[in-house]
C-alpha atoms as a PDB file:
ATOM      1  CA  MET A   1     -76.047 102.132-135.185  1.00  0.00           C
ATOM      2  CA  THR A   2     -79.368 103.763-135.182  1.00  0.00           C
ATOM      3  CA  LYS A   3     -80.440 106.153-132.773  1.00  0.00           C
ATOM      4  CA  ARG A   4     -83.441 104.356-130.248  1.00  0.00           C
ATOM      5  CA  GLN A   5     -86.207 106.117-128.989  1.00  0.00           C
ATOM      6  CA  SER A   6     -85.453 107.495-125.465  1.00  0.00           C
ATOM      7  CA  ASN A   7     -88.228 105.535-123.958  1.00  0.00           C
ATOM      8  CA  SER A   8     -87.605 102.311-125.432  1.00  0.00           C
ATOM      9  CA  PRO A   9     -85.792  99.713-123.357  1.00  0.00           C
ATOM     10  CA  ILE A  10     -82.194  98.841-124.058  1.00  0.00           C
ATOM     11  CA  SER A  11     -81.359  95.395-125.001  1.00  0.00           C
ATOM     12  CA  GLU A  12     -79.116  93.295-122.441  1.00  0.00           C
ATOM     13  CA  ALA A  13     -76.057  93.250-124.921  1.00  0.00           C
ATOM     14  CA  GLU A  14     -76.291  97.140-125.093  1.00  0.00           C
ATOM     15  CA  TYR A  15     -76.597  97.619-121.487  1.00  0.00           C
ATOM     16  CA  TRP A  16     -73.165  95.412-120.711  1.00  0.00           C
ATOM     17  CA  ARG A  17     -71.479  97.233-123.650  1.00  0.00           C
ATOM     18  CA  MET A  18     -72.179 100.414-121.774  1.00  0.00           C
ATOM     19  CA  PHE A  19     -71.532  98.904-118.519  1.00  0.00           C
ATOM     20  CA  ASP A  20     -67.677  97.889-119.587  1.00  0.00           C
ATOM     21  CA  SER A  21     -67.165 101.103-121.376  1.00  0.00           C
ATOM     22  CA  VAL A  22     -68.215 103.189-117.958  1.00  0.00           C
ATOM     23  CA  ARG A  23     -66.562 100.624-115.965  1.00  0.00           C
ATOM     24  CA  GLY A  24     -63.020 101.028-117.778  1.00  0.00           C
ATOM     25  CA  ASP A  25     -63.357 105.129-117.329  1.00  0.00           C
ATOM     26  CA  VAL A  26     -64.149 104.941-113.658  1.00  0.00           C
ATOM     27  CA  ASP A  27     -61.462 102.606-113.283  1.00  0.00           C
ATOM     28  CA  ALA A  28     -58.846 105.296-114.848  1.00  0.00           C
ATOM     29  CA  ALA A  29     -60.445 108.109-113.008  1.00  0.00           C
ATOM     30  CA  ILE A  30     -60.125 106.213-109.836  1.00  0.00           C
ATOM     31  CA  LYS A  31     -56.707 105.162-110.322  1.00  0.00           C
ATOM     32  CA  THR A  32     -55.326 108.515-111.267  1.00  0.00           C
ATOM     33  CA  ASN A  33     -56.978 110.713-108.720  1.00  0.00           C
ATOM     34  CA  HIS A  34     -55.655 108.202-106.100  1.00  0.00           C
ATOM     35  CA  ALA A  35     -52.098 108.985-107.660  1.00  0.00           C
ATOM     36  CA  TYR A  36     -52.643 112.851-107.673  1.00  0.00           C
ATOM     37  CA  THR A  37     -53.741 112.825-104.125  1.00  0.00           C
ATOM     38  CA  LYS A  38     -50.818 110.471-102.961  1.00  0.00           C
ATOM     39  CA  ILE A  39     -48.421 112.855-104.754  1.00  0.00           C
ATOM     40  CA  HIS A  40     -49.600 115.493-102.722  1.00  0.00           C
ATOM     41  CA  GLU A  41     -50.033 113.481 -99.223  1.00  0.00           C
ATOM     42  CA  LEU A  42     -46.619 112.242 -99.344  1.00  0.00           C
ATOM     43  CA  ALA A  43     -45.330 115.472 -99.907  1.00  0.00           C
ATOM     44  CA  GLY A  44     -47.318 116.992 -97.169  1.00  0.00           C
ATOM     45  CA  SER A  45     -46.319 114.147 -94.331  1.00  0.00           C
ATOM     46  CA  ASN A  46     -42.631 113.873 -95.049  1.00  0.00           C
ATOM     47  CA  VAL A  47     -39.982 116.602 -94.829  1.00  0.00           C
ATOM     48  CA  ALA A  48     -37.588 114.273 -96.926  1.00  0.00           C
ATOM     49  CA  ILE A  49     -40.189 113.200 -99.573  1.00  0.00           C
ATOM     50  CA  PHE A  50     -40.999 116.883-100.105  1.00  0.00           C
ATOM     51  CA  ASN A  51     -37.487 117.800-100.547  1.00  0.00           C
ATOM     52  CA  LYS A  52     -36.686 115.017-103.157  1.00  0.00           C
ATOM     53  CA  TYR A  53     -39.897 116.324-104.967  1.00  0.00           C
ATOM     54  CA  GLN A  54     -38.360 119.883-104.978  1.00  0.00           C
ATOM     55  CA  ARG A  55     -35.239 118.550-106.639  1.00  0.00           C
ATOM     56  CA  PHE A  56     -37.550 117.339-109.635  1.00  0.00           C
ATOM     57  CA  ALA A  57     -40.194 120.050-108.966  1.00  0.00           C
ATOM     58  CA  HIS A  58     -41.393 120.432-112.784  1.00  0.00           C
ATOM     59  CA  PHE A  59     -41.434 116.914-113.300  1.00  0.00           C
ATOM     60  CA  TRP A  60     -43.788 116.046-110.495  1.00  0.00           C
ATOM     61  CA  ASN A  61     -45.992 119.392-111.318  1.00  0.00           C
ATOM     62  CA  VAL A  62     -46.290 118.110-114.791  1.00  0.00           C
ATOM     63  CA  SER A  63     -47.089 114.532-113.355  1.00  0.00           C
ATOM     64  CA  SER A  64     -49.671 116.020-110.779  1.00  0.00           C
ATOM     65  CA  TYR A  65     -51.407 117.746-113.496  1.00  0.00           C
ATOM     66  CA  ALA A  66     -51.242 114.758-115.972  1.00  0.00           C
ATOM     67  CA  PHE A  67     -53.152 112.885-113.560  1.00  0.00           C
ATOM     68  CA  GLN A  68     -55.688 115.571-112.733  1.00  0.00           C
ATOM     69  CA  ALA A  69     -55.998 116.128-116.249  1.00  0.00           C
ATOM     70  CA  THR A  70     -56.771 112.592-117.008  1.00  0.00           C
ATOM     71  CA  PHE A  71     -59.251 112.173-114.241  1.00  0.00           C
ATOM     72  CA  PHE A  72     -61.797 114.738-115.646  1.00  0.00           C
ATOM     73  CA  VAL A  73     -60.885 113.727-119.049  1.00  0.00           C
ATOM     74  CA  SER A  74     -62.361 110.051-118.123  1.00  0.00           C
ATOM     75  CA  PHE A  75     -65.631 111.254-117.015  1.00  0.00           C
ATOM     76  CA  TRP A  76     -65.757 114.032-119.814  1.00  0.00           C
ATOM     77  CA  ALA A  77     -65.357 111.266-122.260  1.00  0.00           C
ATOM     78  CA  ASN A  78     -69.316 109.634-120.821  1.00  0.00           C
ATOM     79  CA  ILE A  79     -70.512 112.764-120.912  1.00  0.00           C
ATOM     80  CA  ARG A  80     -70.702 113.473-124.429  1.00  0.00           C
END
């Protein structure tokens, strides 16, 4: 694909391609951020759930960090 001039308009097909690409990344970021915040919200609001998290703390820490990393990576993909 050739590089277009910064002041030239994009075609409709190019617009929709870019839209679909960004939409998927934003959707992934929203879902992973929701999962990340929900894990912490549940643990903070219910002692029984917090205690169950503590039984498998390494699993929940890794999962939480994975959700957080996915959130940032999905946005970073659009910056480059």
